[in-house]
Amino acid sequence: MPTLAWTIPNPAAPNTQAYVMASRFEVRSRKDVPRFFLKALSAWRQVRSAPGALGASLIAEPLKRTFFTLSAWEGRDALYAFARTEPHRGIMTGLRSTMRDSTFTFWEVPVEELPLAWESARQHLAEQARLDAGKGAASR
């Protein structure tokens, strides 16, 4: 399971909160894995110089067709500015057709808790997936 270790693009101001995002992506087929991974590396390079990025990590599980991201930001606006900026913006739209499933979750932590633990991120993602499944069942 390839993991890109937690990297710190910008130092966090002491005694502040970090806005955290964790995501889980599953591609439709194994043939989509290399393309997704290459695009993920491009986004990884972008996050390493993104204004407001406090830290990020990525886990790839290619045999399961699954990828996880975990990042911390100075605030929601910094995260959304990153998402709207190229190459990330183009990556999101370009990979939509290859996606089988995705889950996103957000929370805040004191910056003193950085770097974040993957165990905690996976728990947040599992809870969000349960909530999303419940919403889908309620709308049927």
C-alpha atoms as a PDB file:
ATOM      1  CA  MET A   1       0.000   0.000   0.000  1.00  0.00           C
ATOM      2  CA  PRO A   2       1.932   3.079  -1.212  1.00  0.00           C
ATOM      3  CA  THR A   3       1.664   6.012   1.169  1.00  0.00           C
ATOM      4  CA  LEU A   4       2.855   9.542   0.624  1.00  0.00           C
ATOM      5  CA  ALA A   5       3.847  10.614   4.115  1.00  0.00           C
ATOM      6  CA  TRP A   6       2.462  13.719   5.805  1.00  0.00           C
ATOM      7  CA  THR A   7       4.073  16.775   4.281  1.00  0.00           C
ATOM      8  CA  ILE A   8       3.930  20.292   5.708  1.00  0.00           C
ATOM      9  CA  PRO A   9       3.679  22.962   2.980  1.00  0.00           C
ATOM     10  CA  ASN A  10       3.149  25.901   5.374  1.00  0.00           C
ATOM     11  CA  PRO A  11       3.690  26.248   9.114  1.00  0.00           C
ATOM     12  CA  ALA A  12       0.549  26.517  11.211  1.00  0.00           C
ATOM     13  CA  ALA A  13       0.001  29.541  13.414  1.00  0.00           C
ATOM     14  CA  PRO A  14       0.017  28.387  17.058  1.00  0.00           C
ATOM     15  CA  ASN A  15      -3.252  28.157  18.975  1.00  0.00           C
ATOM     16  CA  THR A  16      -5.447  28.080  15.857  1.00  0.00           C
ATOM     17  CA  GLN A  17      -7.790  25.531  14.303  1.00  0.00           C
ATOM     18  CA  ALA A  18      -7.065  23.516  11.183  1.00  0.00           C
ATOM     19  CA  TYR A  19      -9.839  22.702   8.714  1.00  0.00           C
ATOM     20  CA  VAL A  20      -9.427  19.031   7.805  1.00  0.00           C
ATOM     21  CA  MET A  21     -10.618  17.113   4.779  1.00  0.00           C
ATOM     22  CA  ALA A  22     -10.398  13.369   4.280  1.00  0.00           C
ATOM     23  CA  SER A  23     -11.510  11.684   1.089  1.00  0.00           C
ATOM     24  CA  ARG A  24     -11.899   8.176  -0.256  1.00  0.00           C
ATOM     25  CA  PHE A  25     -12.028   7.511  -3.989  1.00  0.00           C
ATOM     26  CA  GLU A  26     -12.795   4.230  -5.707  1.00  0.00           C
ATOM     27  CA  VAL A  27     -12.260   3.963  -9.448  1.00  0.00           C
ATOM     28  CA  ARG A  28     -14.451   1.779 -11.650  1.00  0.00           C
ATOM     29  CA  SER A  29     -11.808  -0.655 -12.891  1.00  0.00           C
ATOM     30  CA  ARG A  30      -8.168  -1.598 -12.451  1.00  0.00           C
ATOM     31  CA  LYS A  31      -7.384  -0.050 -15.813  1.00  0.00           C
ATOM     32  CA  ASP A  32      -8.360   3.331 -14.303  1.00  0.00           C
ATOM     33  CA  VAL A  33      -5.853   2.993 -11.426  1.00  0.00           C
ATOM     34  CA  PRO A  34      -2.691   4.204 -13.222  1.00  0.00           C
ATOM     35  CA  ARG A  35      -4.429   7.288 -14.635  1.00  0.00           C
ATOM     36  CA  PHE A  36      -5.961   8.168 -11.271  1.00  0.00           C
ATOM     37  CA  PHE A  37      -2.637   7.671  -9.496  1.00  0.00           C
ATOM     38  CA  LEU A  38      -0.758   9.904 -11.960  1.00  0.00           C
ATOM     39  CA  LYS A  39      -3.382  12.630 -11.597  1.00  0.00           C
ATOM     40  CA  ALA A  40      -3.249  12.257  -7.810  1.00  0.00           C
ATOM     41  CA  LEU A  41       0.504  12.825  -7.920  1.00  0.00           C
ATOM     42  CA  SER A  42      -0.072  16.004  -9.915  1.00  0.00           C
ATOM     43  CA  ALA A  43      -2.515  17.253  -7.263  1.00  0.00           C
ATOM     44  CA  TRP A  44       0.003  16.194  -4.590  1.00  0.00           C
ATOM     45  CA  ARG A  45       2.656  18.424  -6.172  1.00  0.00           C
ATOM     46  CA  GLN A  46       0.133  21.275  -6.221  1.00  0.00           C
ATOM     47  CA  VAL A  47      -0.820  20.908  -2.544  1.00  0.00           C
ATOM     48  CA  ARG A  48       2.850  21.034  -1.530  1.00  0.00           C
ATOM     49  CA  SER A  49       2.933  24.703  -2.576  1.00  0.00           C
ATOM     50  CA  ALA A  50      -0.713  25.663  -2.001  1.00  0.00           C
ATOM     51  CA  PRO A  51      -1.390  28.770   0.080  1.00  0.00           C
ATOM     52  CA  GLY A  52      -3.066  27.806   3.350  1.00  0.00           C
ATOM     53  CA  ALA A  53      -2.137  24.107   3.177  1.00  0.00           C
ATOM     54  CA  LEU A  54      -0.921  22.937   6.590  1.00  0.00           C
ATOM     55  CA  GLY A  55      -0.339  19.289   5.777  1.00  0.00           C
ATOM     56  CA  ALA A  56      -1.336  16.421   3.510  1.00  0.00           C
ATOM     57  CA  SER A  57      -0.936  12.698   2.991  1.00  0.00           C
ATOM     58  CA  LEU A  58      -2.172  10.148   0.462  1.00  0.00           C
ATOM     59  CA  ILE A  59      -2.687   6.392   0.581  1.00  0.00           C
ATOM     60  CA  ALA A  60      -3.064   4.324  -2.584  1.00  0.00           C
ATOM     61  CA  GLU A  61      -4.535   0.828  -2.515  1.00  0.00           C
ATOM     62  CA  PRO A  62      -4.219  -0.001  -6.226  1.00  0.00           C
ATOM     63  CA  LEU A  63      -5.390  -3.621  -5.984  1.00  0.00           C
ATOM     64  CA  LYS A  64      -8.577  -2.400  -4.279  1.00  0.00           C
ATOM     65  CA  ARG A  65      -8.896   0.491  -6.796  1.00  0.00           C
ATOM     66  CA  THR A  66      -9.055   2.841  -3.799  1.00  0.00           C
ATOM     67  CA  PHE A  67      -7.254   6.057  -2.856  1.00  0.00           C
ATOM     68  CA  PHE A  68      -7.418   8.138   0.319  1.00  0.00           C
ATOM     69  CA  THR A  69      -6.395  11.735   0.885  1.00  0.00           C
ATOM     70  CA  LEU A  70      -5.988  13.586   4.154  1.00  0.00           C
ATOM     71  CA  SER A  71      -5.216  17.288   4.357  1.00  0.00           C
ATOM     72  CA  ALA A  72      -5.292  20.163   6.821  1.00  0.00           C
ATOM     73  CA  TRP A  73      -5.865  23.801   5.889  1.00  0.00           C
ATOM     74  CA  GLU A  74      -5.838  27.229   7.497  1.00  0.00           C
ATOM     75  CA  GLY A  75      -9.563  27.341   6.806  1.00  0.00           C
ATOM     76  CA  ARG A  76     -12.351  26.286   4.489  1.00  0.00           C
ATOM     77  CA  ASP A  77     -11.608  29.126   2.069  1.00  0.00           C
ATOM     78  CA  ALA A  78      -8.017  27.932   1.592  1.00  0.00           C
ATOM     79  CA  LEU A  79      -9.205  24.397   0.792  1.00  0.00           C
ATOM     80  CA  TYR A  80     -11.827  25.595  -1.681  1.00  0.00           C
ATOM     81  CA  ALA A  81      -9.362  27.969  -3.367  1.00  0.00           C
ATOM     82  CA  PHE A  82      -7.025  24.989  -3.871  1.00  0.00           C
ATOM     83  CA  ALA A  83      -9.859  22.875  -5.305  1.00  0.00           C
ATOM     84  CA  ARG A  84     -10.776  25.627  -7.809  1.00  0.00           C
ATOM     85  CA  THR A  85      -7.187  26.100  -8.998  1.00  0.00           C
ATOM     86  CA  GLU A  86      -5.516  24.183 -11.823  1.00  0.00           C
ATOM     87  CA  PRO A  87      -4.438  21.467 -12.058  1.00  0.00           C
ATOM     88  CA  HIS A  88      -6.803  20.235  -9.300  1.00  0.00           C
ATOM     89  CA  ARG A  89      -9.910  21.667 -10.939  1.00  0.00           C
ATOM     90  CA  GLY A  90      -9.206  19.927 -14.248  1.00  0.00           C
ATOM     91  CA  ILE A  91      -8.304  16.708 -12.479  1.00  0.00           C
ATOM     92  CA  MET A  92     -11.677  16.625 -10.701  1.00  0.00           C
ATOM     93  CA  THR A  93     -13.667  17.075 -13.886  1.00  0.00           C
ATOM     94  CA  GLY A  94     -11.404  14.845 -15.976  1.00  0.00           C
ATOM     95  CA  LEU A  95     -11.646  11.876 -13.614  1.00  0.00           C
ATOM     96  CA  ARG A  96     -15.398  12.002 -12.944  1.00  0.00           C
ATOM     97  CA  SER A  97     -16.194   9.318 -15.507  1.00  0.00           C
ATOM     98  CA  THR A  98     -13.715   6.885 -13.923  1.00  0.00           C
ATOM     99  CA  MET A  99     -15.161   7.177 -10.407  1.00  0.00           C
ATOM    100  CA  ARG A 100     -17.230   4.386  -8.906  1.00  0.00           C
ATOM    101  CA  ASP A 101     -17.624   5.979  -5.484  1.00  0.00           C
ATOM    102  CA  SER A 102     -16.269   8.816  -3.382  1.00  0.00           C
ATOM    103  CA  THR A 103     -16.665  10.031   0.172  1.00  0.00           C
ATOM    104  CA  PHE A 104     -15.622  13.381   1.645  1.00  0.00           C
ATOM    105  CA  THR A 105     -15.643  14.443   5.266  1.00  0.00           C
ATOM    106  CA  PHE A 106     -14.591  17.639   7.036  1.00  0.00           C
ATOM    107  CA  TRP A 107     -13.843  18.596  10.634  1.00  0.00           C
ATOM    108  CA  GLU A 108     -11.673  20.931  12.660  1.00  0.00           C
ATOM    109  CA  VAL A 109      -8.790  20.202  15.037  1.00  0.00           C
ATOM    110  CA  PRO A 110      -6.358  22.327  17.012  1.00  0.00           C
ATOM    111  CA  VAL A 111      -3.167  22.741  14.950  1.00  0.00           C
ATOM    112  CA  GLU A 112      -1.259  21.198  17.829  1.00  0.00           C
ATOM    113  CA  GLU A 113      -2.852  17.848  16.828  1.00  0.00           C
ATOM    114  CA  LEU A 114      -1.114  17.908  13.430  1.00  0.00           C
ATOM    115  CA  PRO A 115       0.012  15.696  11.798  1.00  0.00           C
ATOM    116  CA  LEU A 116      -3.234  13.803  11.723  1.00  0.00           C
ATOM    117  CA  ALA A 117      -3.481  10.054  12.229  1.00  0.00           C
ATOM    118  CA  TRP A 118      -4.860   7.941   9.401  1.00  0.00           C
ATOM    119  CA  GLU A 119      -6.816   5.849  11.904  1.00  0.00           C
ATOM    120  CA  SER A 120      -8.851   8.903  12.879  1.00  0.00           C
ATOM    121  CA  ALA A 121      -9.371   9.909   9.249  1.00  0.00           C
ATOM    122  CA  ARG A 122     -10.631   6.442   8.335  1.00  0.00           C
ATOM    123  CA  GLN A 123     -13.085   6.572  11.246  1.00  0.00           C
ATOM    124  CA  HIS A 124     -14.391   9.941  10.044  1.00  0.00           C
ATOM    125  CA  LEU A 125     -14.727   8.574   6.503  1.00  0.00           C
ATOM    126  CA  ALA A 126     -16.571   5.450   7.683  1.00  0.00           C
ATOM    127  CA  GLU A 127     -19.025   7.581   9.671  1.00  0.00           C
ATOM    128  CA  GLN A 128     -19.591   9.884   6.686  1.00  0.00           C
ATOM    129  CA  ALA A 129     -20.167   6.891   4.403  1.00  0.00           C
ATOM    130  CA  ARG A 130     -22.821   5.598   6.841  1.00  0.00           C
ATOM    131  CA  LEU A 131     -24.496   9.023   6.890  1.00  0.00           C
ATOM    132  CA  ASP A 132     -24.385   9.265   3.084  1.00  0.00           C
ATOM    133  CA  ALA A 133     -25.866   5.747   2.749  1.00  0.00           C
ATOM    134  CA  GLY A 134     -28.676   6.700   5.137  1.00  0.00           C
ATOM    135  CA  LYS A 135     -29.487   9.824   3.104  1.00  0.00           C
ATOM    136  CA  GLY A 136     -29.592   7.746  -0.082  1.00  0.00           C
ATOM    137  CA  ALA A 137     -31.951   5.215   1.480  1.00  0.00           C
ATOM    138  CA  ALA A 138     -34.201   7.995   2.799  1.00  0.00           C
ATOM    139  CA  SER A 139     -34.578   9.554  -0.659  1.00  0.00           C
ATOM    140  CA  ARG A 140     -35.635   6.298  -2.355  1.00  0.00           C
END
